[in-house]
Protein backbone atom coordinates (compact mmCIF):
# COMPACT_ATOMS: atom_id res chain seq x y z
CA MET A 1 -2.60 -49.36 -3.20
CA ALA A 2 -1.28 -46.00 -4.33
CA THR A 3 2.31 -45.06 -3.66
CA ASP A 4 3.28 -41.93 -1.74
CA ARG A 5 4.52 -40.46 -4.99
CA GLU A 6 1.17 -41.03 -6.71
CA ILE A 7 -0.68 -39.39 -3.82
CA THR A 8 1.74 -36.45 -3.82
CA GLU A 9 1.32 -35.99 -7.58
CA ARG A 10 -2.46 -36.15 -7.26
CA ARG A 11 -2.40 -33.56 -4.45
CA PHE A 12 -0.20 -31.29 -6.57
CA ARG A 13 -2.64 -31.66 -9.49
CA ILE A 14 -5.59 -30.81 -7.19
CA ASN A 15 -3.83 -27.67 -5.95
CA ARG A 16 -3.10 -26.63 -9.53
CA LEU A 17 -6.71 -27.21 -10.64
CA ILE A 18 -7.97 -25.05 -7.78
CA GLU A 19 -5.46 -22.30 -8.66
CA LEU A 20 -6.72 -22.39 -12.24
CA GLY A 21 -10.35 -22.19 -11.09
CA ARG A 22 -11.20 -25.62 -12.50
CA LEU A 23 -13.21 -26.48 -9.41
CA ASP A 24 -15.34 -29.32 -10.81
CA GLU A 25 -12.21 -31.14 -11.99
CA ALA A 26 -10.56 -30.53 -8.62
CA ARG A 27 -13.63 -31.93 -6.83
CA SER A 28 -13.50 -35.07 -9.03
CA GLU A 29 -9.80 -35.50 -8.28
CA LEU A 30 -10.52 -35.11 -4.56
CA GLU A 31 -13.15 -37.86 -4.74
CA ALA A 32 -10.63 -40.14 -6.47
CA LEU A 33 -8.00 -39.28 -3.85
CA LYS A 34 -10.51 -40.05 -1.11
CA GLU A 35 -10.74 -43.60 -2.50
CA LEU A 36 -6.96 -43.92 -2.10
CA GLU A 37 -6.37 -42.36 1.31
CA GLY A 38 -9.74 -42.00 3.01
CA GLU A 39 -11.19 -38.76 4.32
CA SER A 40 -8.12 -36.71 5.23
CA ALA A 41 -7.71 -33.17 6.54
CA PHE A 42 -6.15 -32.30 3.17
CA ILE A 43 -9.24 -33.44 1.26
CA LEU A 44 -11.70 -31.73 3.62
CA ASN A 45 -9.68 -28.50 3.55
CA LYS A 46 -9.58 -28.49 -0.25
CA LEU A 47 -13.34 -29.15 -0.41
CA GLY A 48 -13.72 -26.14 1.88
CA ILE A 49 -11.64 -24.00 -0.46
CA ILE A 50 -13.76 -25.11 -3.41
CA ALA A 51 -16.93 -24.24 -1.47
CA VAL A 52 -15.59 -20.78 -0.58
CA CYS A 53 -14.49 -20.16 -4.18
CA SER A 54 -18.05 -21.06 -5.21
CA GLY A 55 -19.44 -18.46 -2.81
CA GLN A 56 -20.59 -20.95 -0.16
CA LEU A 57 -18.88 -19.60 2.98
CA ASP A 58 -20.98 -21.63 5.42
CA GLN A 59 -20.25 -24.89 3.62
CA GLY A 60 -16.57 -23.96 3.44
CA LYS A 61 -16.54 -23.26 7.18
CA THR A 62 -18.09 -26.68 7.83
CA TYR A 63 -15.42 -28.42 5.73
CA PHE A 64 -12.60 -26.56 7.52
CA GLU A 65 -14.05 -27.53 10.90
CA LYS A 66 -14.28 -31.17 9.73
CA ALA A 67 -10.64 -31.01 8.61
CA LEU A 68 -9.69 -29.91 12.13
CA ALA A 69 -11.76 -32.74 13.61
CA VAL A 70 -9.59 -35.14 11.60
CA ASP A 71 -6.32 -33.33 12.39
CA ASP A 72 -6.42 -30.60 15.02
CA ARG A 73 -2.98 -29.34 13.93
CA TYR A 74 -3.85 -28.76 10.28
CA VAL A 75 -2.74 -25.13 10.08
CA GLN A 76 -4.23 -24.44 6.65
CA ALA A 77 -7.73 -25.12 8.01
CA TYR A 78 -7.18 -22.68 10.90
CA ASN A 79 -5.94 -20.10 8.42
CA ASN A 80 -8.92 -20.66 6.14
CA LEU A 81 -11.34 -20.28 9.05
CA GLY A 82 -9.58 -17.01 9.84
CA ASN A 83 -10.17 -15.93 6.24
CA ILE A 84 -13.87 -16.72 6.53
CA TYR A 85 -14.24 -14.71 9.72
CA LYS A 86 -12.29 -11.84 8.16
CA GLU A 87 -14.65 -11.95 5.17
CA MET A 88 -17.63 -11.88 7.56
CA GLY A 89 -16.16 -8.83 9.33
CA ASP A 90 -15.40 -10.62 12.62
CA LEU A 91 -11.77 -9.49 12.87
CA ASP A 92 -11.29 -10.66 16.46
CA LYS A 93 -12.34 -14.20 15.53
CA ALA A 94 -10.11 -14.04 12.45
CA VAL A 95 -7.12 -13.10 14.64
CA GLU A 96 -7.95 -16.00 16.95
CA TYR A 97 -7.82 -18.52 14.09
CA TYR A 98 -4.66 -17.09 12.53
CA GLN A 99 -2.99 -17.29 15.95
CA LEU A 100 -4.11 -20.92 16.30
CA ALA A 101 -2.40 -21.66 12.97
CA LEU A 102 0.77 -20.04 14.29
CA ARG A 103 0.56 -22.01 17.54
CA TYR A 104 1.17 -25.17 15.53
CA ASP A 105 3.52 -23.67 12.93
CA ARG A 106 5.35 -20.49 13.95
CA GLU A 107 6.85 -20.28 10.46
CA TYR A 108 3.56 -20.30 8.54
CA ALA A 109 4.08 -17.19 6.40
CA THR A 110 0.49 -17.03 5.16
CA ALA A 111 -0.92 -16.76 8.69
CA HIS A 112 1.60 -14.01 9.52
CA HIS A 113 0.58 -12.16 6.36
CA ASN A 114 -3.13 -12.50 7.14
CA LEU A 115 -2.57 -11.32 10.72
CA GLY A 116 -0.73 -8.29 9.34
CA VAL A 117 -3.67 -7.46 7.09
CA VAL A 118 -6.24 -7.86 9.89
CA TYR A 119 -4.20 -5.85 12.39
CA LYS A 120 -3.98 -3.06 9.79
CA GLN A 121 -7.78 -3.16 9.43
CA LYS A 122 -8.06 -2.98 13.21
CA GLY A 123 -5.72 0.03 13.30
CA ASP A 124 -2.85 -1.71 15.13
CA ILE A 125 -0.06 -0.61 12.81
CA HIS A 126 2.79 -1.88 15.00
CA LYS A 127 1.48 -5.47 15.06
CA SER A 128 0.56 -5.23 11.39
CA VAL A 129 4.08 -4.26 10.32
CA GLN A 130 5.58 -6.87 12.64
CA HIS A 131 3.57 -9.71 11.07
CA LEU A 132 3.97 -8.49 7.49
CA LYS A 133 7.75 -8.29 7.93
CA GLN A 134 7.80 -11.77 9.48
CA ALA A 135 5.75 -13.12 6.57
CA ASN A 136 8.17 -11.56 4.11
CA ARG A 137 11.20 -13.00 5.94
CA LEU A 138 9.67 -16.47 6.05
CA GLN A 139 8.66 -16.32 2.40
CA SER A 140 12.22 -15.32 1.48
CA VAL A 141 13.68 -18.23 3.45
CA MET A 142 11.24 -20.62 1.82
CA ALA A 143 12.06 -19.20 -1.60
CA ARG A 144 15.79 -19.71 -1.07
CA ARG A 145 15.18 -23.30 -0.01
CA GLU A 146 12.99 -23.88 -3.04
CA LEU A 147 15.64 -22.44 -5.33
CA ALA A 148 18.25 -24.72 -3.82
CA VAL A 149 16.15 -27.82 -4.40
CA SER A 150 14.15 -27.06 -7.51
CA PRO A 151 15.40 -24.98 -10.43
CA ALA A 152 11.91 -25.40 -11.94
CA GLY A 153 10.48 -23.29 -9.12
CA THR A 154 12.77 -20.35 -9.88
CA LYS A 155 10.19 -18.12 -11.62
CA ARG A 156 7.56 -18.72 -8.95
CA THR A 157 10.10 -18.09 -6.21
CA ILE A 158 11.24 -14.82 -7.71
CA ALA A 159 7.62 -13.75 -8.18
CA TRP A 160 6.84 -14.41 -4.49
CA LEU A 161 9.93 -12.49 -3.40
CA ILE A 162 8.92 -9.52 -5.51
CA ILE A 163 5.30 -9.67 -4.31
CA GLY A 164 6.41 -9.84 -0.68
CA ALA A 165 8.79 -6.91 -1.04
CA LEU A 166 6.16 -4.84 -2.88
CA LEU A 167 3.52 -5.53 -0.22
CA VAL A 168 5.82 -4.40 2.57
CA LEU A 169 6.85 -1.28 0.61
CA LEU A 170 3.23 -0.45 -0.23
CA PHE A 171 2.19 -0.87 3.37
CA LEU A 172 5.04 1.30 4.64
CA TYR A 173 4.30 3.93 1.97
CA ARG A 174 0.63 4.12 2.93
CA ARG A 175 1.60 4.35 6.58
CA SER A 176 3.70 7.47 6.04
């Protein structure tokens, strides 16, 4: 039986492989993780991300829906479904899924950011700015917490702070 630490390390490795675009390796790691913990929302969500990264939106959508069938509060799956609908041009459906993510986690910065982007596309500048600012605030809070606990995360934290500030400034500049 795998320890919690082993599962956490494996999940971290899977996330890193996906970030690096090493999707086949990530898929293999997910299969190995499935042997340890069964079919979890995490695994199904990551398989969905791999499918989307491979250009298979429908398969990705199916995986995200399966993740929610396992855990109906798995906010990343709601967010990813919102991304799929945004990609398909169904902005109202995208908003619906981002809001579902926020129903279960009001401090989910990624969903706030995505809502800000979609509201901008829809022409609702007030809501767009509101959500982008909230995303930036939440990302800053998370970054400070990360700095306090993990000096190794310092560069990544600073990068996210800079990216967040630049996005808000760019958005406000384009608005004027």
